[in-house]
Amino acid sequence: YFNKMKGSREFISAITRKAKNQGYIHNRYGRRYYIPEGREYIATNFAVQGCNHPDTMIWTGSGLFRNQDLVGKKFFVWNGLDYVPAVGVNAGLKQEYEVTFTNNQIYRCSPEHFFLCVGDSGELKWKQANEITSDDWVTQSELIDIGQDVDEDLAELAGRLLGDGDPMATTPYLMFHYELELSDIDFYEKVANKHGFTTSRGVMVRGRTDIRHDMPILRFRSDFHKWYSDLGGCWTKSYERKIPIVVFQWSLKARRAFLRGLISADGGWTGHTIQYTSTKERLARDTQQLLMSCGIRSILRNQKSGLHSAYRLSISDTGRYINEIGFRQSYKQNHSHQHSGKGSSYKLPMKLSKLVCELGRDKIRQSEGNGFTDSQKVM
């Protein structure tokens, strides 16, 4: 471990000596922790502030990355207010707290992980996971415009395929509604050809023998399959369908374009509300996370019917979605114009989500987590 994590032995030794000499240490936010005599070895747990589950998506200066992929690397991490230098550390087994917000986003972390909360008078203050209650409000960053540039049309095609096609098939294909989306076929075919992908048109028969639907499809050759696989969008079973991890590291414009394709496929209007539906929980939660990275809030609900489940995202910031993302299909765009003055469309430096559950002790379990510490201290 010490050979792989350069500087970790020196860091742990320095923190332990400091705790032994003065009886306490400060965390990165200046909070003092008193360390019992003879237990100086636990001081590192307070200096490395809080651990996240290995699958947690972390904002860095280069985009969103899974926590487990940052271990041993130096980077800049978003601390709720600014970017600060950090290094990923594997902190071993930790108790795990599961925090659920009103929009049904789930966050898993160790008890000492800090949340930036808003007090009764509107002041910002840091509270640990084992200190917050269902009466607390937790800040969430509005949006961060970072990441690599990707052609927006190609990003939209990737999102549309994830919703209305199968990019992992031997011959990838994209389906369309016959009468309503003929212009979309022309658009995506031009995008694919522009980027060197060979396409062909065909028809797929869907439905039962007595009720058949001929669905126009756009086929792609194996080179497109390889391109999509290289994004990290591989899966072998339908329920494993997910947003490729690299999409979270695209620029804001590219992320918006990907969402336009995805939600144009499996989303639409229900009254005055835009909703996105998927039978895959992982895909629905990924979509909610990607929307949040674009500053758009949504509420996730699990709707069960018999043995079947559907995960439905209701977009809270309707006006903002229309203005910044929108739909590809003309009939959905026209519906958007009718509701362009309705719904929420505002910009704030911070957005709040209220906790809906006390941190139940039944949610505590052992989990291997990763934490962050200031890289300057490590050096």
Protein backbone atom coordinates (compact mmCIF):
# COMPACT_ATOMS: atom_id res chain seq x y z
CA TYR A 1 0.00 0.00 0.00
CA PHE A 2 2.73 2.50 0.98
CA ASN A 3 4.71 1.69 -2.18
CA LYS A 4 1.70 2.40 -4.38
CA MET A 5 0.59 5.51 -2.46
CA LYS A 6 3.64 7.78 -2.57
CA GLY A 7 3.88 10.02 0.47
CA SER A 8 1.14 8.21 2.41
CA ARG A 9 3.51 6.78 5.06
CA GLU A 10 5.00 10.23 5.76
CA PHE A 11 1.55 11.80 5.90
CA ILE A 12 0.17 9.25 8.38
CA SER A 13 3.32 9.50 10.56
CA ALA A 14 3.16 13.31 10.62
CA ILE A 15 -0.53 13.36 11.59
CA THR A 16 0.01 10.74 14.30
CA ARG A 17 2.95 12.67 15.82
CA LYS A 18 0.95 15.91 15.80
CA ALA A 19 -2.01 14.28 17.55
CA LYS A 20 0.28 12.74 20.15
CA ASN A 21 2.14 15.99 20.87
CA GLN A 22 -0.84 18.36 21.16
CA GLY A 23 -3.78 16.03 21.76
CA TYR A 24 -5.83 17.23 18.79
CA ILE A 25 -5.69 17.96 15.05
CA HIS A 26 -7.49 20.32 12.69
CA ASN A 27 -9.32 19.18 9.59
CA ARG A 28 -9.11 21.05 6.28
CA TYR A 29 -11.94 23.34 7.35
CA GLY A 30 -10.26 24.37 10.60
CA ARG A 31 -12.40 22.24 12.91
CA ARG A 32 -10.56 20.87 15.94
CA TYR A 33 -10.77 17.18 16.88
CA TYR A 34 -9.46 15.92 20.20
CA ILE A 35 -7.75 12.54 19.97
CA PRO A 36 -7.81 10.20 23.01
CA GLU A 37 -4.38 9.34 24.40
CA GLY A 38 -3.15 6.04 23.05
CA ARG A 39 -5.43 6.24 19.99
CA GLU A 40 -3.39 8.66 17.91
CA TYR A 41 -3.59 6.23 15.01
CA ILE A 42 -7.20 7.31 14.36
CA ALA A 43 -6.14 10.92 13.71
CA THR A 44 -5.76 10.24 9.98
CA ASN A 45 -9.49 9.49 9.75
CA PHE A 46 -10.25 13.08 10.76
CA ALA A 47 -7.59 14.67 8.58
CA VAL A 48 -8.84 12.76 5.54
CA GLN A 49 -12.27 14.26 5.75
CA GLY A 50 -14.99 11.80 5.08
CA CYS A 51 -15.14 8.86 2.73
CA ASN A 52 -17.40 8.31 -0.25
CA HIS A 53 -18.59 5.03 -1.66
CA PRO A 54 -16.26 3.82 -4.47
CA ASP A 55 -19.04 4.32 -7.06
CA THR A 56 -19.67 7.96 -6.06
CA MET A 57 -19.31 10.46 -8.89
CA ILE A 58 -16.79 13.16 -7.92
CA TRP A 59 -16.48 16.62 -9.50
CA THR A 60 -12.89 17.29 -10.46
CA GLY A 61 -11.24 19.98 -12.54
CA SER A 62 -11.43 17.59 -15.51
CA GLY A 63 -15.04 16.46 -15.13
CA LEU A 64 -16.93 13.76 -13.23
CA PHE A 65 -15.04 10.60 -12.26
CA ARG A 66 -15.93 7.58 -10.17
CA ASN A 67 -14.33 7.74 -6.75
CA GLN A 68 -12.53 4.42 -7.11
CA ASP A 69 -10.77 5.67 -10.26
CA LEU A 70 -9.20 8.59 -8.39
CA VAL A 71 -7.28 6.60 -5.77
CA GLY A 72 -3.59 7.45 -5.90
CA LYS A 73 -4.09 10.39 -8.28
CA LYS A 74 -3.65 14.12 -7.74
CA PHE A 75 -6.40 16.38 -8.99
CA PHE A 76 -8.56 19.39 -8.13
CA VAL A 77 -11.82 18.56 -6.35
CA TRP A 78 -14.93 20.71 -5.91
CA ASN A 79 -15.48 21.27 -2.15
CA GLY A 80 -18.83 23.03 -2.50
CA LEU A 81 -17.37 26.50 -2.87
CA ASP A 82 -14.22 26.23 -4.97
CA TYR A 83 -11.70 23.83 -6.50
CA VAL A 84 -8.95 22.72 -4.12
CA PRO A 85 -5.93 20.43 -4.72
CA ALA A 86 -6.50 16.87 -3.55
CA VAL A 87 -5.24 13.30 -3.80
CA GLY A 88 -7.40 10.17 -3.69
CA VAL A 89 -6.83 7.85 -0.72
CA ASN A 90 -8.19 4.36 -0.10
CA ALA A 91 -9.23 4.61 3.56
CA GLY A 92 -10.18 0.95 4.00
CA LEU A 93 -13.40 -0.34 5.58
CA LYS A 94 -15.77 2.29 6.96
CA GLN A 95 -19.27 2.50 8.35
CA GLU A 96 -21.61 3.49 5.55
CA TYR A 97 -24.42 6.05 5.85
CA GLU A 98 -27.08 6.23 3.16
CA VAL A 99 -28.62 9.68 2.73
CA THR A 100 -31.75 10.15 0.61
CA PHE A 101 -32.86 13.59 -0.62
CA THR A 102 -36.32 14.77 -1.60
CA ASN A 103 -35.54 14.19 -5.28
CA ASN A 104 -34.69 10.56 -4.36
CA GLN A 105 -31.01 10.96 -5.07
CA ILE A 106 -29.04 8.63 -2.80
CA TYR A 107 -25.64 9.49 -1.35
CA ARG A 108 -23.49 6.91 0.43
CA CYS A 109 -20.60 7.97 2.62
CA SER A 110 -18.85 7.44 5.96
CA PRO A 111 -20.26 9.01 9.17
CA GLU A 112 -17.66 11.80 9.26
CA HIS A 113 -18.25 12.96 5.68
CA PHE A 114 -19.05 16.68 5.55
CA PHE A 115 -22.10 18.30 3.92
CA LEU A 116 -22.36 22.04 3.29
CA CYS A 117 -25.65 22.95 4.98
CA VAL A 118 -27.74 26.10 5.30
CA GLY A 119 -28.63 27.29 8.80
CA ASP A 120 -31.88 28.85 9.98
CA SER A 121 -30.52 32.33 9.26
CA GLY A 122 -29.22 31.39 5.81
CA GLU A 123 -25.60 30.98 6.88
CA LEU A 124 -23.49 28.21 5.37
CA LYS A 125 -21.97 25.68 7.74
CA TRP A 126 -20.33 22.27 7.46
CA LYS A 127 -21.98 19.31 9.20
CA GLN A 128 -20.97 15.67 9.29
CA ALA A 129 -23.24 12.94 8.00
CA ASN A 130 -23.77 11.68 11.56
CA GLU A 131 -24.85 15.19 12.64
CA ILE A 132 -27.41 16.13 10.01
CA THR A 133 -31.10 15.39 10.43
CA SER A 134 -34.27 15.52 8.34
CA ASP A 135 -34.58 19.20 9.30
CA ASP A 136 -31.36 20.15 7.50
CA TRP A 137 -31.03 21.67 4.05
CA VAL A 138 -28.00 20.63 2.00
CA THR A 139 -26.53 22.72 -0.83
CA GLN A 140 -25.96 21.35 -4.29
CA SER A 141 -23.85 23.05 -6.93
CA GLU A 142 -25.92 24.58 -9.74
CA LEU A 143 -23.71 23.56 -12.65
CA ILE A 144 -20.05 23.41 -13.60
CA ASP A 145 -18.98 24.10 -17.17
CA ILE A 146 -15.93 21.90 -17.57
CA GLY A 147 -14.86 18.88 -19.58
CA GLN A 148 -13.68 17.97 -23.04
CA ASP A 149 -15.27 19.32 -26.19
CA VAL A 150 -17.24 16.81 -28.26
CA ASP A 151 -19.23 17.52 -31.41
CA GLU A 152 -22.72 18.33 -30.16
CA ASP A 153 -24.54 16.51 -32.98
CA LEU A 154 -22.49 13.36 -32.36
CA ALA A 155 -23.18 13.62 -28.61
CA GLU A 156 -26.90 13.89 -29.34
CA LEU A 157 -26.75 10.83 -31.61
CA ALA A 158 -25.08 8.86 -28.78
CA GLY A 159 -27.87 9.85 -26.38
CA ARG A 160 -30.65 9.05 -28.85
CA LEU A 161 -29.17 5.60 -29.51
CA LEU A 162 -29.09 4.85 -25.80
CA GLY A 163 -32.82 5.55 -25.58
CA ASP A 164 -34.32 4.40 -28.89
CA GLY A 165 -31.73 1.99 -30.20
CA ASP A 166 -29.14 -0.59 -29.30
CA PRO A 167 -25.53 0.58 -29.72
CA MET A 168 -24.26 -2.74 -28.30
CA ALA A 169 -25.97 -4.93 -30.92
CA THR A 170 -23.79 -6.70 -33.50
CA THR A 171 -25.35 -4.29 -35.99
CA PRO A 172 -26.24 -1.17 -33.96
CA TYR A 173 -29.55 0.42 -34.90
CA LEU A 174 -31.76 3.38 -34.06
CA MET A 175 -35.58 3.24 -34.30
CA PHE A 176 -38.01 6.03 -35.25
CA HIS A 177 -41.75 6.64 -35.31
CA TYR A 178 -42.82 6.34 -38.93
CA GLU A 179 -44.94 9.45 -39.42
CA LEU A 180 -43.53 11.79 -36.76
CA GLU A 181 -39.78 11.40 -36.99
CA LEU A 182 -38.84 11.03 -40.67
CA SER A 183 -36.83 14.29 -40.55
CA ASP A 184 -34.90 12.91 -37.57
CA ILE A 185 -33.66 10.00 -39.70
CA ASP A 186 -32.18 12.44 -42.21
CA PHE A 187 -30.52 14.46 -39.43
CA TYR A 188 -28.86 11.52 -37.64
CA GLU A 189 -27.82 9.88 -40.90
CA LYS A 190 -25.99 13.08 -41.90
CA VAL A 191 -24.33 13.27 -38.47
CA ALA A 192 -23.11 9.67 -38.69
CA ASN A 193 -21.80 10.07 -42.24
CA LYS A 194 -20.09 13.34 -41.31
CA HIS A 195 -18.03 11.45 -38.72
CA GLY A 196 -17.17 8.57 -41.04
CA PHE A 197 -19.76 6.01 -39.93
CA THR A 198 -21.50 4.00 -42.65
CA THR A 199 -25.29 3.73 -42.34
CA SER A 200 -28.19 2.06 -44.08
CA ARG A 201 -31.97 2.28 -43.70
CA GLY A 202 -34.41 -0.50 -42.99
CA VAL A 203 -37.65 -1.46 -41.27
CA MET A 204 -38.18 -3.36 -38.02
CA VAL A 205 -41.50 -5.07 -37.32
CA ARG A 206 -42.69 -4.62 -33.73
CA GLY A 207 -45.77 -5.85 -31.88
CA ARG A 208 -47.95 -8.97 -31.99
CA THR A 209 -49.22 -10.78 -35.07
CA ASP A 210 -52.59 -9.00 -34.93
CA ILE A 211 -51.09 -5.57 -34.11
CA ARG A 212 -47.94 -4.93 -36.10
CA HIS A 213 -45.93 -1.74 -36.37
CA ASP A 214 -43.35 -1.14 -39.05
CA MET A 215 -40.63 0.99 -37.43
CA PRO A 216 -38.08 2.75 -39.66
CA ILE A 217 -34.55 2.09 -38.43
CA LEU A 218 -31.09 3.44 -39.13
CA ARG A 219 -28.40 0.75 -39.09
CA PHE A 220 -24.73 1.28 -38.29
CA ARG A 221 -21.72 -0.88 -39.06
CA SER A 222 -19.33 -2.41 -36.53
CA ASP A 223 -17.09 0.68 -36.49
CA PHE A 224 -19.84 2.54 -34.67
CA HIS A 225 -20.16 -0.34 -32.18
CA LYS A 226 -16.45 0.00 -31.43
CA TRP A 227 -16.71 3.78 -31.03
CA TYR A 228 -19.56 3.45 -28.53
CA SER A 229 -17.77 0.67 -26.64
CA ASP A 230 -14.69 2.86 -26.35
CA LEU A 231 -16.85 5.46 -24.60
CA GLY A 232 -17.35 2.96 -21.78
CA GLY A 233 -20.96 2.17 -22.64
CA CYS A 234 -20.56 -1.63 -22.73
CA TRP A 235 -23.18 -3.96 -21.32
CA THR A 236 -24.24 -7.53 -21.98
CA LYS A 237 -27.75 -7.48 -20.47
CA SER A 238 -30.48 -4.93 -21.06
CA TYR A 239 -30.87 -4.02 -17.37
CA GLU A 240 -27.18 -3.03 -17.29
CA ARG A 241 -27.80 -0.19 -19.74
CA LYS A 242 -26.15 3.00 -18.49
CA ILE A 243 -24.74 6.34 -19.56
CA PRO A 244 -21.07 5.89 -20.54
CA ILE A 245 -18.82 7.29 -17.84
CA VAL A 246 -16.93 9.49 -20.30
CA VAL A 247 -20.14 11.46 -21.00
CA PHE A 248 -19.93 12.93 -17.49
CA GLN A 249 -16.53 14.36 -18.46
CA TRP A 250 -17.78 16.10 -21.61
CA SER A 251 -18.27 19.85 -21.86
CA LEU A 252 -21.54 21.41 -20.73
CA LYS A 253 -22.73 21.82 -24.35
CA ALA A 254 -21.98 18.18 -25.14
CA ARG A 255 -23.74 16.95 -21.99
CA ARG A 256 -26.79 18.98 -22.88
CA ALA A 257 -26.77 17.56 -26.41
CA PHE A 258 -26.52 13.98 -25.09
CA LEU A 259 -29.50 14.63 -22.82
CA ARG A 260 -31.46 16.13 -25.73
CA GLY A 261 -31.01 12.87 -27.64
CA LEU A 262 -31.76 10.62 -24.67
CA ILE A 263 -34.84 12.44 -23.41
CA SER A 264 -36.15 12.99 -26.95
CA ALA A 265 -36.16 9.18 -27.18
CA ASP A 266 -37.75 8.23 -23.86
CA GLY A 267 -39.19 11.48 -22.57
CA GLY A 268 -41.94 13.93 -23.35
CA TRP A 269 -44.74 16.04 -21.99
CA THR A 270 -47.28 14.94 -19.40
CA GLY A 271 -49.51 17.96 -18.97
CA HIS A 272 -47.22 20.86 -18.11
CA THR A 273 -44.40 18.56 -16.93
CA ILE A 274 -41.51 16.99 -18.83
CA GLN A 275 -40.97 13.39 -17.81
CA TYR A 276 -38.39 10.77 -18.68
CA THR A 277 -39.12 7.08 -18.13
CA SER A 278 -36.85 4.03 -18.06
CA THR A 279 -37.22 0.46 -16.83
CA LYS A 280 -33.52 0.50 -15.89
CA GLU A 281 -32.80 2.01 -12.46
CA ARG A 282 -29.11 2.58 -13.18
CA LEU A 283 -29.92 4.48 -16.38
CA ALA A 284 -32.57 6.59 -14.63
CA ARG A 285 -30.19 7.54 -11.82
CA ASP A 286 -27.41 8.31 -14.31
CA THR A 287 -29.81 10.58 -16.20
CA GLN A 288 -30.76 12.40 -13.00
CA GLN A 289 -27.08 12.90 -12.19
CA LEU A 290 -26.31 14.20 -15.68
CA LEU A 291 -29.26 16.61 -15.52
CA MET A 292 -27.97 17.91 -12.19
CA SER A 293 -24.53 18.48 -13.73
CA CYS A 294 -26.31 20.81 -16.17
CA GLY A 295 -28.05 22.66 -13.34
CA ILE A 296 -31.45 21.02 -13.89
CA ARG A 297 -33.29 19.41 -11.01
CA SER A 298 -35.51 16.37 -11.31
CA ILE A 299 -37.46 14.05 -9.02
CA LEU A 300 -37.10 10.28 -9.40
CA ARG A 301 -40.00 7.96 -8.61
CA ASN A 302 -40.29 4.19 -8.83
CA GLN A 303 -43.68 3.25 -10.23
CA LYS A 304 -44.54 -0.43 -9.89
CA SER A 305 -47.24 -2.28 -11.80
CA GLY A 306 -47.44 -5.94 -10.87
CA LEU A 307 -44.04 -7.50 -11.42
CA HIS A 308 -42.81 -4.59 -13.52
CA SER A 309 -41.09 -1.41 -12.38
CA ALA A 310 -40.58 1.87 -14.18
CA TYR A 311 -38.38 4.72 -13.02
CA ARG A 312 -39.81 8.11 -13.87
CA LEU A 313 -37.94 11.41 -13.74
CA SER A 314 -40.08 14.54 -13.46
CA ILE A 315 -38.04 17.59 -14.44
CA SER A 316 -38.53 20.41 -11.93
CA ASP A 317 -36.76 23.14 -13.92
CA THR A 318 -39.05 22.84 -16.96
CA GLY A 319 -38.39 26.30 -18.39
CA ARG A 320 -34.67 25.88 -18.08
CA TYR A 321 -34.77 22.48 -19.78
CA ILE A 322 -36.72 23.93 -22.72
CA ASN A 323 -34.36 26.86 -23.17
CA GLU A 324 -31.05 25.02 -22.72
CA ILE A 325 -31.70 21.44 -23.91
CA GLY A 326 -35.06 20.98 -25.63
CA PHE A 327 -36.22 18.17 -27.94
CA ARG A 328 -35.16 17.00 -31.39
CA GLN A 329 -38.68 16.11 -32.61
CA SER A 330 -40.68 18.99 -34.06
CA TYR A 331 -43.94 17.90 -32.40
CA LYS A 332 -42.28 17.97 -28.97
CA GLN A 333 -40.55 21.26 -29.74
CA ASN A 334 -43.89 22.82 -30.71
CA HIS A 335 -45.38 21.60 -27.43
CA SER A 336 -42.43 23.24 -25.66
CA HIS A 337 -43.27 26.61 -27.18
CA GLN A 338 -46.78 26.37 -25.73
CA HIS A 339 -45.30 25.97 -22.25
CA SER A 340 -42.20 28.16 -22.56
CA GLY A 341 -43.57 30.54 -19.95
CA LYS A 342 -44.52 27.81 -17.50
CA GLY A 343 -42.46 25.92 -15.02
CA SER A 344 -39.35 26.88 -13.14
CA SER A 345 -36.60 28.74 -14.96
CA TYR A 346 -34.19 30.52 -12.66
CA LYS A 347 -30.52 30.61 -11.80
CA LEU A 348 -29.09 30.55 -8.29
CA PRO A 349 -25.52 30.06 -7.12
CA MET A 350 -26.71 27.22 -4.91
CA LYS A 351 -29.72 24.94 -4.98
CA LEU A 352 -31.13 23.22 -1.95
CA SER A 353 -32.50 19.73 -1.43
CA LYS A 354 -34.14 18.83 1.86
CA LEU A 355 -33.37 15.53 3.50
CA VAL A 356 -36.37 13.24 3.69
CA CYS A 357 -35.07 10.65 6.08
CA GLU A 358 -33.21 10.60 9.35
CA LEU A 359 -29.91 8.81 9.00
CA GLY A 360 -31.28 5.52 10.25
CA ARG A 361 -28.88 3.32 12.14
CA ASP A 362 -30.26 0.37 10.21
CA LYS A 363 -28.63 1.91 7.11
CA ILE A 364 -25.14 1.65 8.68
CA ARG A 365 -22.99 -1.13 7.31
CA GLN A 366 -19.37 -1.87 6.51
CA SER A 367 -18.10 -0.61 3.19
CA GLU A 368 -14.73 0.11 1.67
CA GLY A 369 -14.63 3.79 0.85
CA ASN A 370 -12.26 6.37 -0.54
CA GLY A 371 -11.52 9.78 0.89
CA PHE A 372 -9.71 12.95 -0.05
CA THR A 373 -7.01 14.93 1.65
CA ASP A 374 -5.21 18.12 0.74
CA SER A 375 -2.28 17.21 -1.51
CA GLN A 376 -0.13 19.94 0.01
CA LYS A 377 -0.31 18.15 3.35
CA VAL A 378 0.63 14.86 1.73
CA MET A 379 3.73 16.41 0.24
